[in-house]
Protein backbone atom coordinates (compact mmCIF):
# COMPACT_ATOMS: atom_id res chain seq x y z
CA MET A 1 -2.30 -84.51 -2.30
CA SER A 2 -1.99 -81.39 -0.22
CA VAL A 3 -0.27 -79.48 -3.02
CA SER A 4 -2.91 -80.63 -5.48
CA MET A 5 -5.71 -79.53 -3.18
CA ASP A 6 -4.07 -76.13 -2.64
CA TRP A 7 -3.87 -75.62 -6.38
CA LYS A 8 -7.54 -76.55 -6.81
CA VAL A 9 -8.56 -74.15 -4.03
CA ARG A 10 -6.58 -71.30 -5.56
CA ALA A 11 -8.06 -72.07 -8.98
CA ALA A 12 -11.57 -72.06 -7.53
CA ILE A 13 -10.95 -68.74 -5.78
CA TRP A 14 -9.63 -67.17 -8.98
CA ALA A 15 -12.58 -68.50 -10.97
CA ALA A 16 -15.02 -67.13 -8.41
CA ALA A 17 -13.26 -63.76 -8.39
CA LEU A 18 -13.30 -63.50 -12.19
CA ALA A 19 -16.96 -64.49 -12.27
CA LEU A 20 -17.78 -61.80 -9.68
CA ILE A 21 -15.85 -59.18 -11.65
CA ALA A 22 -17.69 -60.17 -14.83
CA VAL A 23 -21.07 -59.94 -13.10
CA LEU A 24 -20.26 -56.55 -11.57
CA THR A 25 -18.93 -55.21 -14.87
CA TRP A 26 -21.93 -56.47 -16.78
CA GLY A 27 -24.25 -54.99 -14.16
CA ALA A 28 -22.48 -51.63 -14.28
CA ILE A 29 -22.73 -51.51 -18.07
CA ALA A 30 -26.43 -52.44 -17.95
CA TRP A 31 -27.04 -49.78 -15.28
CA ALA A 32 -25.23 -47.12 -17.32
CA ARG A 33 -27.13 -48.01 -20.48
CA ALA A 34 -30.42 -47.67 -18.61
CA LEU A 35 -29.60 -44.10 -17.57
CA PRO A 36 -31.24 -41.13 -19.32
CA PRO A 37 -29.00 -40.26 -22.30
CA GLU A 38 -27.85 -36.98 -20.74
CA ASP A 39 -26.53 -39.00 -17.79
CA SER A 40 -24.99 -41.83 -19.81
CA PRO A 41 -21.30 -41.81 -20.72
CA PHE A 42 -22.14 -44.13 -23.62
CA ALA A 43 -24.61 -41.74 -25.30
CA ASN A 44 -23.65 -39.37 -28.09
CA LEU A 45 -24.19 -35.65 -27.60
CA ASP A 46 -27.67 -34.38 -28.49
CA LEU A 47 -27.81 -30.58 -28.29
CA GLU A 48 -31.56 -30.64 -27.66
CA ARG A 49 -31.30 -32.66 -24.44
CA PRO A 50 -31.14 -31.08 -20.98
CA ILE A 51 -27.78 -30.85 -19.25
CA GLY A 52 -27.05 -34.00 -17.28
CA TRP A 53 -24.23 -35.67 -15.42
CA ALA A 54 -22.59 -36.90 -18.65
CA THR A 55 -23.10 -33.77 -20.75
CA PRO A 56 -19.61 -32.38 -20.06
CA MET A 57 -18.11 -35.75 -21.09
CA GLN A 58 -20.23 -35.84 -24.26
CA ILE A 59 -19.27 -32.27 -25.20
CA ASP A 60 -15.62 -33.03 -24.51
CA ARG A 61 -15.69 -35.87 -27.06
CA ILE A 62 -16.73 -33.56 -29.92
CA ARG A 63 -13.80 -31.23 -29.21
CA SER A 64 -11.50 -33.74 -30.89
CA ASP A 65 -13.95 -35.28 -33.36
CA ALA A 66 -14.87 -32.90 -36.18
CA MET A 67 -17.33 -35.30 -37.80
CA ALA A 68 -19.18 -35.94 -34.52
CA CYS A 69 -19.32 -32.21 -33.83
CA SER A 70 -20.77 -31.41 -37.25
CA ALA A 71 -23.28 -34.24 -36.86
CA ALA A 72 -24.41 -32.84 -33.49
CA LEU A 73 -24.99 -29.41 -35.03
CA ASP A 74 -26.81 -30.89 -38.03
CA ALA A 75 -29.17 -32.86 -35.77
CA SER A 76 -30.11 -29.80 -33.68
CA MET A 77 -32.26 -26.72 -34.23
CA ILE A 78 -29.25 -24.38 -34.34
CA GLY A 79 -28.57 -22.71 -37.69
CA VAL A 80 -24.97 -22.52 -38.87
CA ALA A 81 -23.09 -21.94 -42.09
CA PRO A 82 -19.61 -23.37 -42.62
CA ILE A 83 -16.62 -21.03 -42.91
CA GLU A 84 -13.68 -21.76 -45.18
CA ASP A 85 -10.63 -22.96 -43.25
CA ARG A 86 -8.13 -20.19 -42.58
CA ARG A 87 -4.47 -19.81 -41.52
CA GLU A 88 -2.71 -16.51 -40.87
CA GLY A 89 -0.19 -14.79 -38.65
CA VAL A 90 3.47 -15.51 -38.05
CA ASN A 91 4.13 -19.15 -38.98
CA ASP A 92 0.37 -19.52 -39.57
CA GLN A 93 -0.21 -19.79 -35.82
CA CYS A 94 -3.72 -18.31 -36.08
CA GLY A 95 -6.76 -19.61 -37.88
CA PHE A 96 -9.40 -22.27 -37.74
CA SER A 97 -10.84 -25.37 -39.36
CA ASN A 98 -14.36 -26.77 -39.18
CA ALA A 99 -15.59 -23.37 -37.97
CA VAL A 100 -19.06 -21.96 -38.48
CA VAL A 101 -21.00 -18.71 -38.35
CA LEU A 102 -24.23 -18.78 -36.36
CA THR A 103 -27.27 -17.99 -38.49
CA GLU A 104 -29.92 -18.95 -35.93
CA SER A 105 -29.74 -19.88 -32.27
CA THR A 106 -31.79 -19.57 -29.10
CA TYR A 107 -31.05 -15.83 -29.09
CA PRO A 108 -29.69 -13.41 -31.67
CA TYR A 109 -26.31 -11.81 -31.06
CA SER A 110 -25.25 -8.20 -31.38
CA ASP A 111 -22.65 -9.10 -34.01
CA SER A 112 -21.64 -11.96 -36.27
CA VAL A 113 -20.54 -15.02 -34.31
CA ARG A 114 -17.73 -16.94 -36.06
CA VAL A 115 -16.59 -19.79 -33.85
CA SER A 116 -15.26 -23.33 -33.86
CA CYS A 117 -17.79 -26.12 -34.16
CA PRO A 118 -17.40 -27.25 -30.52
CA LEU A 119 -17.89 -23.70 -29.27
CA ALA A 120 -21.03 -23.29 -31.39
CA ALA A 121 -22.42 -26.49 -29.87
CA ALA A 122 -21.59 -25.40 -26.32
CA LEU A 123 -23.08 -21.95 -26.87
CA TYR A 124 -26.36 -23.42 -28.02
CA VAL A 125 -26.63 -25.67 -24.95
CA TRP A 126 -25.65 -22.78 -22.66
CA GLU A 127 -28.17 -20.39 -24.18
CA ARG A 128 -31.07 -22.81 -23.98
CA GLU A 129 -30.37 -24.65 -20.73
CA VAL A 130 -28.50 -22.06 -18.64
CA VAL A 131 -29.27 -18.51 -19.81
CA THR A 132 -33.00 -19.12 -20.27
CA ALA A 133 -33.40 -20.74 -16.86
CA ALA A 134 -31.33 -18.09 -15.09
CA ALA A 135 -33.38 -15.30 -16.67
CA GLU A 136 -36.57 -16.96 -15.47
CA ALA A 137 -35.12 -17.27 -11.97
CA TRP A 138 -33.67 -13.79 -11.58
CA LEU A 139 -34.99 -11.34 -14.13
CA GLU A 140 -38.44 -9.91 -14.81
CA SER A 141 -38.10 -10.38 -18.55
CA PRO A 142 -36.77 -12.98 -20.98
CA VAL A 143 -33.51 -12.33 -22.81
CA ALA A 144 -33.94 -10.78 -26.25
CA ARG A 145 -30.32 -10.55 -27.42
CA ILE A 146 -26.81 -11.45 -26.29
CA GLU A 147 -24.26 -8.62 -26.43
CA MET A 148 -21.05 -10.12 -27.85
CA ILE A 149 -17.80 -8.17 -28.03
CA GLY A 150 -15.37 -10.65 -29.59
CA THR A 151 -14.82 -14.07 -31.13
CA TYR A 152 -12.03 -14.78 -33.63
CA SER A 153 -8.96 -12.55 -33.30
CA CYS A 154 -5.37 -13.41 -34.23
CA ARG A 155 -3.62 -12.38 -31.02
CA ASN A 156 -1.89 -13.55 -27.87
CA VAL A 157 -3.55 -13.63 -24.47
CA TYR A 158 -4.51 -10.06 -23.43
CA GLY A 159 -3.17 -8.82 -26.77
CA ARG A 160 0.42 -8.97 -25.52
CA ALA A 161 3.32 -8.94 -27.96
CA GLU A 162 4.77 -12.03 -26.27
CA GLY A 163 3.22 -15.03 -24.61
CA ARG A 164 0.69 -17.75 -25.14
CA LEU A 165 -1.70 -17.64 -28.07
CA SER A 166 -5.26 -16.71 -27.11
CA GLU A 167 -8.11 -19.15 -27.66
CA HIS A 168 -9.63 -16.33 -29.70
CA ALA A 169 -6.84 -16.90 -32.24
CA THR A 170 -8.41 -20.24 -33.18
CA ALA A 171 -12.07 -19.14 -33.06
CA ASN A 172 -12.35 -21.16 -29.87
CA ALA A 173 -13.53 -18.36 -27.55
CA ILE A 174 -16.23 -15.72 -27.25
CA ASP A 175 -16.55 -12.69 -24.97
CA VAL A 176 -20.07 -11.84 -23.77
CA ALA A 177 -20.56 -8.34 -22.35
CA GLY A 178 -24.24 -8.41 -21.49
CA PHE A 179 -27.83 -9.12 -22.38
CA SER A 180 -30.68 -7.04 -23.79
CA LEU A 181 -34.03 -8.03 -22.32
CA GLU A 182 -37.43 -8.07 -23.97
CA ASN A 183 -38.63 -5.31 -21.64
CA GLY A 184 -35.92 -3.00 -23.00
CA ARG A 185 -33.58 -3.23 -20.01
CA ARG A 186 -29.92 -4.27 -20.32
CA VAL A 187 -27.91 -6.42 -17.94
CA THR A 188 -24.18 -5.87 -18.41
CA VAL A 189 -21.29 -7.67 -16.79
CA LEU A 190 -19.59 -4.36 -16.00
CA GLN A 191 -22.52 -2.84 -14.11
CA GLY A 192 -24.38 -5.95 -13.01
CA TRP A 193 -21.68 -8.13 -11.50
CA ASN A 194 -21.75 -6.08 -8.31
CA GLY A 195 -25.11 -4.46 -9.04
CA SER A 196 -28.60 -5.42 -7.92
CA ALA A 197 -29.23 -8.82 -6.36
CA ALA A 198 -31.16 -9.89 -9.46
CA ASP A 199 -28.52 -8.88 -11.99
CA ALA A 200 -25.65 -10.24 -9.91
CA GLY A 201 -27.51 -13.50 -9.28
CA PHE A 202 -28.29 -13.94 -12.97
CA LEU A 203 -24.71 -13.29 -14.08
CA ARG A 204 -23.19 -15.55 -11.45
CA GLN A 205 -25.57 -18.38 -12.29
CA ILE A 206 -24.80 -18.28 -16.01
CA ARG A 207 -21.08 -18.14 -15.16
CA SER A 208 -21.14 -21.05 -12.69
CA GLU A 209 -23.46 -23.31 -14.69
CA GLY A 210 -21.57 -22.39 -17.84
CA CYS A 211 -18.64 -24.27 -16.36
CA GLU A 212 -20.60 -27.50 -16.97
CA VAL A 213 -20.65 -26.70 -20.69
CA PHE A 214 -17.46 -24.80 -21.57
CA GLN A 215 -13.86 -25.72 -20.82
CA GLY A 216 -12.84 -22.23 -19.77
CA VAL A 217 -15.09 -19.63 -18.11
CA LEU A 218 -13.54 -16.38 -16.88
CA SER A 219 -15.48 -13.60 -15.16
CA PRO A 220 -14.75 -10.42 -13.17
CA ASP A 221 -13.80 -12.72 -10.29
CA TYR A 222 -10.77 -13.81 -12.31
CA ASN A 223 -9.04 -10.46 -12.90
CA ARG A 224 -9.64 -6.84 -13.90
CA ALA A 225 -9.17 -7.66 -17.58
CA HIS A 226 -12.51 -9.48 -17.40
CA ALA A 227 -14.38 -6.79 -15.48
CA ASP A 228 -16.69 -6.10 -18.42
CA HIS A 229 -17.29 -9.53 -19.94
CA LEU A 230 -17.53 -13.29 -19.55
CA HIS A 231 -14.89 -15.19 -21.49
CA LEU A 232 -16.17 -18.59 -22.68
CA ASP A 233 -13.90 -21.03 -24.50
CA MET A 234 -13.39 -24.64 -25.52
CA GLY A 235 -9.63 -24.70 -25.07
CA PRO A 236 -7.43 -27.26 -23.31
CA PHE A 237 -7.52 -25.65 -19.86
CA ASP A 238 -10.36 -26.55 -17.49
CA ILE A 239 -10.93 -23.34 -15.51
CA CYS A 240 -13.97 -21.79 -13.85
CA ARG A 241 -13.40 -18.41 -12.24
């Protein structure tokens, strides 16, 4: 009788534990689904939404899902045109697939922007949610144009003959040198990083908050090679410097 009772007690405890786990799991799922979509890990990426807690997770998903990335671009106000897939370099190590050229975004760029689909999506969110807000906070004029100095380039990191392939070699990175403002003034990374409080504050805010959107963000704080630009990429390395 004692053994039988012990078994029944253990069974009751297990049943109660499983029921509690089920209730907690169900409650957690219901809570998550009730969150605003930008804070929900279950929501798909919408490029027109504000940045929320789950935005980095949502952007990360489109890095490995070409169809989801294209759908996110198509559903947004960004204008893009597809680029034919390309392979080049020794052993075809350079090139891109599912890349686009920006035709319309929050701001115009100083040159043609040819980037991977995930980078185009991240740029659009960064422009609208980060750059615009930082300009309002620090500068006396809205941004009129983004000064870009490089996107796709078949090369290794820092242009070295040996070493790791750059994210630029897969159209997965962009270098931003500065911003032209509507009042005619320019804010450059080279002069502004350690310049006036307003320029330095603006540049540091778009760098730091850019880390919520891009995988890799490198600034003058990283090394001298980045003294004149912000490097923004959607590569495999999560770095914010």
